[in-house]
C-alpha atoms as a PDB file:
ATOM      1  CA  UNK A   1     113.386 108.817 132.828  1.00  0.00           C
ATOM      2  CA  UNK A   2     112.216 107.077 129.846  1.00  0.00           C
ATOM      3  CA  UNK A   3     113.809 104.387 127.752  1.00  0.00           C
ATOM      4  CA  UNK A   4     114.206 107.222 125.136  1.00  0.00           C
ATOM      5  CA  UNK A   5     116.047 109.301 127.714  1.00  0.00           C
ATOM      6  CA  UNK A   6     118.298 105.889 128.498  1.00  0.00           C
ATOM      7  CA  UNK A   7     119.235 105.285 124.836  1.00  0.00           C
ATOM      8  CA  UNK A   8     120.118 108.981 124.293  1.00  0.00           C
ATOM      9  CA  UNK A   9     122.493 108.891 127.262  1.00  0.00           C
ATOM     10  CA  UNK A  10     123.874 105.633 126.516  1.00  0.00           C
ATOM     11  CA  UNK A  11     124.576 106.451 122.468  1.00  0.00           C
ATOM     12  CA  UNK A  12     124.957 109.968 122.348  1.00  0.00           C
ATOM     13  CA  UNK A  13     127.485 109.895 120.131  1.00  0.00           C
ATOM     14  CA  UNK A  14     125.928 107.554 117.433  1.00  0.00           C
ATOM     15  CA  UNK A  15     123.004 109.655 116.859  1.00  0.00           C
ATOM     16  CA  UNK A  16     121.718 111.508 113.614  1.00  0.00           C
ATOM     17  CA  UNK A  17     118.963 114.119 113.150  1.00  0.00           C
ATOM     18  CA  UNK A  18     117.453 112.031 109.735  1.00  0.00           C
ATOM     19  CA  UNK A  19     117.695 108.316 108.550  1.00  0.00           C
ATOM     20  CA  UNK A  20     118.882 108.765 104.994  1.00  0.00           C
ATOM     21  CA  UNK A  21     121.153 107.606 102.449  1.00  0.00           C
ATOM     22  CA  UNK A  22     122.167 108.820  98.952  1.00  0.00           C
ATOM     23  CA  UNK A  23     118.761 110.305  98.382  1.00  0.00           C
ATOM     24  CA  UNK A  24     116.619 107.739 100.132  1.00  0.00           C
ATOM     25  CA  UNK A  25     115.116 108.198 103.405  1.00  0.00           C
ATOM     26  CA  UNK A  26     112.347 107.221 105.829  1.00  0.00           C
ATOM     27  CA  UNK A  27     110.088 109.725 107.090  1.00  0.00           C
ATOM     28  CA  UNK A  28     109.404 110.074 110.943  1.00  0.00           C
ATOM     29  CA  UNK A  29     106.477 111.415 112.791  1.00  0.00           C
ATOM     30  CA  UNK A  30     107.970 114.313 114.667  1.00  0.00           C
ATOM     31  CA  UNK A  31     104.882 113.992 117.534  1.00  0.00           C
ATOM     32  CA  UNK A  32     106.533 110.707 118.645  1.00  0.00           C
ATOM     33  CA  UNK A  33     109.394 110.643 120.789  1.00  0.00           C
ATOM     34  CA  UNK A  34     112.083 108.742 118.880  1.00  0.00           C
ATOM     35  CA  UNK A  35     115.863 108.504 118.524  1.00  0.00           C
ATOM     36  CA  UNK A  36     117.972 107.745 115.138  1.00  0.00           C
ATOM     37  CA  UNK A  37     121.428 105.618 115.638  1.00  0.00           C
ATOM     38  CA  UNK A  38     123.666 105.398 112.416  1.00  0.00           C
ATOM     39  CA  UNK A  39     124.673 101.883 111.867  1.00  0.00           C
ATOM     40  CA  UNK A  40     128.101 102.253 111.032  1.00  0.00           C
ATOM     41  CA  UNK A  41     128.710 104.799 113.823  1.00  0.00           C
ATOM     42  CA  UNK A  42     127.441 102.016 116.400  1.00  0.00           C
ATOM     43  CA  UNK A  43     129.146  99.034 114.791  1.00  0.00           C
ATOM     44  CA  UNK A  44     132.409  99.295 112.169  1.00  0.00           C
ATOM     45  CA  UNK A  45     133.131  95.648 112.555  1.00  0.00           C
ATOM     46  CA  UNK A  46     130.801  93.561 110.288  1.00  0.00           C
ATOM     47  CA  UNK A  47     127.816  94.713 108.451  1.00  0.00           C
ATOM     48  CA  UNK A  48     124.890  96.479 109.861  1.00  0.00           C
ATOM     49  CA  UNK A  49     121.806  98.386 108.543  1.00  0.00           C
ATOM     50  CA  UNK A  50     121.882 102.042 107.622  1.00  0.00           C
ATOM     51  CA  UNK A  51     119.526 103.036 110.795  1.00  0.00           C
ATOM     52  CA  UNK A  52     118.267 101.770 113.944  1.00  0.00           C
ATOM     53  CA  UNK A  53     115.122 103.524 114.936  1.00  0.00           C
ATOM     54  CA  UNK A  54     113.826 103.718 118.450  1.00  0.00           C
ATOM     55  CA  UNK A  55     110.377 105.445 118.878  1.00  0.00           C
ATOM     56  CA  UNK A  56     108.089 105.597 121.779  1.00  0.00           C
ATOM     57  CA  UNK A  57     104.595 105.469 120.329  1.00  0.00           C
ATOM     58  CA  UNK A  58     101.552 105.764 122.870  1.00  0.00           C
ATOM     59  CA  UNK A  59     103.818 103.683 125.354  1.00  0.00           C
ATOM     60  CA  UNK A  60     105.116 101.141 122.612  1.00  0.00           C
ATOM     61  CA  UNK A  61     108.516 100.884 121.800  1.00  0.00           C
ATOM     62  CA  UNK A  62     108.944 100.423 117.817  1.00  0.00           C
ATOM     63  CA  UNK A  63     112.388  99.561 116.810  1.00  0.00           C
ATOM     64  CA  UNK A  64     112.881 100.186 113.314  1.00  0.00           C
ATOM     65  CA  UNK A  65     115.874  98.318 112.028  1.00  0.00           C
ATOM     66  CA  UNK A  66     116.308 100.329 108.687  1.00  0.00           C
ATOM     67  CA  UNK A  67     118.297  99.474 105.643  1.00  0.00           C
ATOM     68  CA  UNK A  68     118.195 102.282 102.564  1.00  0.00           C
ATOM     69  CA  UNK A  69     119.068 101.647  99.315  1.00  0.00           C
ATOM     70  CA  UNK A  70     119.418 103.749  95.928  1.00  0.00           C
ATOM     71  CA  UNK A  71     121.092 100.815  93.762  1.00  0.00           C
ATOM     72  CA  UNK A  72     121.070  97.154  93.200  1.00  0.00           C
ATOM     73  CA  UNK A  73     119.147  94.807  96.200  1.00  0.00           C
ATOM     74  CA  UNK A  74     121.072  91.687  97.481  1.00  0.00           C
ATOM     75  CA  UNK A  75     118.970  89.906  99.692  1.00  0.00           C
ATOM     76  CA  UNK A  76     121.562  87.633 101.499  1.00  0.00           C
ATOM     77  CA  UNK A  77     123.830  90.853 102.015  1.00  0.00           C
ATOM     78  CA  UNK A  78     120.459  92.803 103.555  1.00  0.00           C
ATOM     79  CA  UNK A  79     119.264  90.025 105.642  1.00  0.00           C
ATOM     80  CA  UNK A  80     122.859  89.890 107.376  1.00  0.00           C
ATOM     81  CA  UNK A  81     122.813  93.767 107.897  1.00  0.00           C
ATOM     82  CA  UNK A  82     119.153  93.211 109.427  1.00  0.00           C
ATOM     83  CA  UNK A  83     120.372  90.907 111.632  1.00  0.00           C
ATOM     84  CA  UNK A  84     123.366  92.351 112.770  1.00  0.00           C
ATOM     85  CA  UNK A  85     120.995  95.765 113.498  1.00  0.00           C
ATOM     86  CA  UNK A  86     118.751  93.817 115.828  1.00  0.00           C
ATOM     87  CA  UNK A  87     121.380  92.130 117.574  1.00  0.00           C
ATOM     88  CA  UNK A  88     122.762  95.659 118.354  1.00  0.00           C
ATOM     89  CA  UNK A  89     119.506  97.095 119.134  1.00  0.00           C
ATOM     90  CA  UNK A  90     118.737  94.407 122.118  1.00  0.00           C
ATOM     91  CA  UNK A  91     122.604  95.093 123.436  1.00  0.00           C
ATOM     92  CA  UNK A  92     121.322  98.591 123.179  1.00  0.00           C
ATOM     93  CA  UNK A  93     117.752  98.271 124.974  1.00  0.00           C
ATOM     94  CA  UNK A  94     119.751  95.925 127.812  1.00  0.00           C
ATOM     95  CA  UNK A  95     121.529  98.658 128.832  1.00  0.00           C
ATOM     96  CA  UNK A  96     118.169 100.121 129.972  1.00  0.00           C
ATOM     97  CA  UNK A  97     116.514  97.039 131.782  1.00  0.00           C
ATOM     98  CA  UNK A  98     113.880  98.641 133.957  1.00  0.00           C
ATOM     99  CA  UNK A  99     112.774 100.501 131.215  1.00  0.00           C
ATOM    100  CA  UNK A 100     111.767  98.590 128.803  1.00  0.00           C
ATOM    101  CA  UNK A 101     109.538  95.116 128.840  1.00  0.00           C
ATOM    102  CA  UNK A 102     109.166  94.503 125.287  1.00  0.00           C
ATOM    103  CA  UNK A 103     109.188  95.984 121.779  1.00  0.00           C
ATOM    104  CA  UNK A 104     108.198  95.449 118.356  1.00  0.00           C
ATOM    105  CA  UNK A 105     111.023  95.078 115.749  1.00  0.00           C
ATOM    106  CA  UNK A 106     110.466  96.511 112.103  1.00  0.00           C
ATOM    107  CA  UNK A 107     112.736  94.704 109.478  1.00  0.00           C
ATOM    108  CA  UNK A 108     112.368  97.373 106.698  1.00  0.00           C
ATOM    109  CA  UNK A 109     114.145  98.202 103.600  1.00  0.00           C
ATOM    110  CA  UNK A 110     113.622 101.357 101.399  1.00  0.00           C
ATOM    111  CA  UNK A 111     114.624 101.234  97.718  1.00  0.00           C
ATOM    112  CA  UNK A 112     113.813 103.899  95.288  1.00  0.00           C
ATOM    113  CA  UNK A 113     112.802 101.361  92.795  1.00  0.00           C
ATOM    114  CA  UNK A 114     112.217  97.720  93.157  1.00  0.00           C
ATOM    115  CA  UNK A 115     112.662  95.086  90.400  1.00  0.00           C
ATOM    116  CA  UNK A 116     109.744  92.836  90.763  1.00  0.00           C
ATOM    117  CA  UNK A 117     112.287  89.991  91.073  1.00  0.00           C
ATOM    118  CA  UNK A 118     114.079  91.475  93.836  1.00  0.00           C
ATOM    119  CA  UNK A 119     110.961  92.553  95.301  1.00  0.00           C
ATOM    120  CA  UNK A 120     109.841  89.359  95.935  1.00  0.00           C
ATOM    121  CA  UNK A 121     113.206  87.456  96.633  1.00  0.00           C
ATOM    122  CA  UNK A 122     113.055  90.070  99.532  1.00  0.00           C
ATOM    123  CA  UNK A 123     109.840  89.808 100.416  1.00  0.00           C
ATOM    124  CA  UNK A 124     110.469  86.066 100.857  1.00  0.00           C
ATOM    125  CA  UNK A 125     113.551  86.274 103.208  1.00  0.00           C
ATOM    126  CA  UNK A 126     112.842  85.663 106.652  1.00  0.00           C
ATOM    127  CA  UNK A 127     114.911  87.085 109.508  1.00  0.00           C
ATOM    128  CA  UNK A 128     115.704  84.902 112.462  1.00  0.00           C
ATOM    129  CA  UNK A 129     116.005  86.642 115.444  1.00  0.00           C
ATOM    130  CA  UNK A 130     115.200  86.160 119.558  1.00  0.00           C
ATOM    131  CA  UNK A 131     113.723  82.880 118.751  1.00  0.00           C
ATOM    132  CA  UNK A 132     111.590  84.318 116.170  1.00  0.00           C
ATOM    133  CA  UNK A 133     110.966  85.060 112.179  1.00  0.00           C
ATOM    134  CA  UNK A 134     110.220  88.237 111.178  1.00  0.00           C
ATOM    135  CA  UNK A 135     109.332  89.172 107.639  1.00  0.00           C
ATOM    136  CA  UNK A 136     111.460  91.468 105.971  1.00  0.00           C
ATOM    137  CA  UNK A 137     109.002  95.038 105.119  1.00  0.00           C
ATOM    138  CA  UNK A 138     109.491  96.157 101.597  1.00  0.00           C
ATOM    139  CA  UNK A 139     108.848  99.773 100.805  1.00  0.00           C
ATOM    140  CA  UNK A 140     109.937 102.939  98.764  1.00  0.00           C
ATOM    141  CA  UNK A 141     112.251 105.563  99.498  1.00  0.00           C
ATOM    142  CA  UNK A 142     110.503 108.324 101.454  1.00  0.00           C
ATOM    143  CA  UNK A 143     107.445 105.935 103.191  1.00  0.00           C
ATOM    144  CA  UNK A 144     106.619 107.102 106.683  1.00  0.00           C
ATOM    145  CA  UNK A 145     107.994 104.560 109.310  1.00  0.00           C
ATOM    146  CA  UNK A 146     104.162 105.654 111.418  1.00  0.00           C
ATOM    147  CA  UNK A 147     102.254 104.408 108.400  1.00  0.00           C
ATOM    148  CA  UNK A 148     104.428 101.261 107.796  1.00  0.00           C
ATOM    149  CA  UNK A 149     103.939 100.108 111.585  1.00  0.00           C
ATOM    150  CA  UNK A 150     100.297 101.301 111.425  1.00  0.00           C
ATOM    151  CA  UNK A 151      99.215  99.040 108.754  1.00  0.00           C
ATOM    152  CA  UNK A 152     101.240  95.996 110.218  1.00  0.00           C
ATOM    153  CA  UNK A 153     100.070  96.123 114.066  1.00  0.00           C
END
């Protein structure tokens, strides 16, 4: 059984087909085994990102913590949502301890349009998680998770 199979069993009710919200979406490469979980279905008691995406990409586990914005962007709120999404993703992965060793987390915000001040503010914000600081990746709606992760690896 793969880690994707394990997540599929553990989170069957929280899965969705596409990561999209109000006309904003992130594309996925169908050739890679993946699962998309809806943030609000996993965690309803605190602010959380729109989607958590687990991708088995050439035996590497990619975890996309994704927030989709069609309107205004508030960096402090997004930082909280991405951090909470990361914590939930780790809890899910801990349910499959023998199947995953390490994973790459990509905290990503996609927006229909970026004002230069919002964009700069978001890019300067860091997520502190697992004793590491992560940059927030800012892209436009419709970009591909595969292309985003390929550029950063």
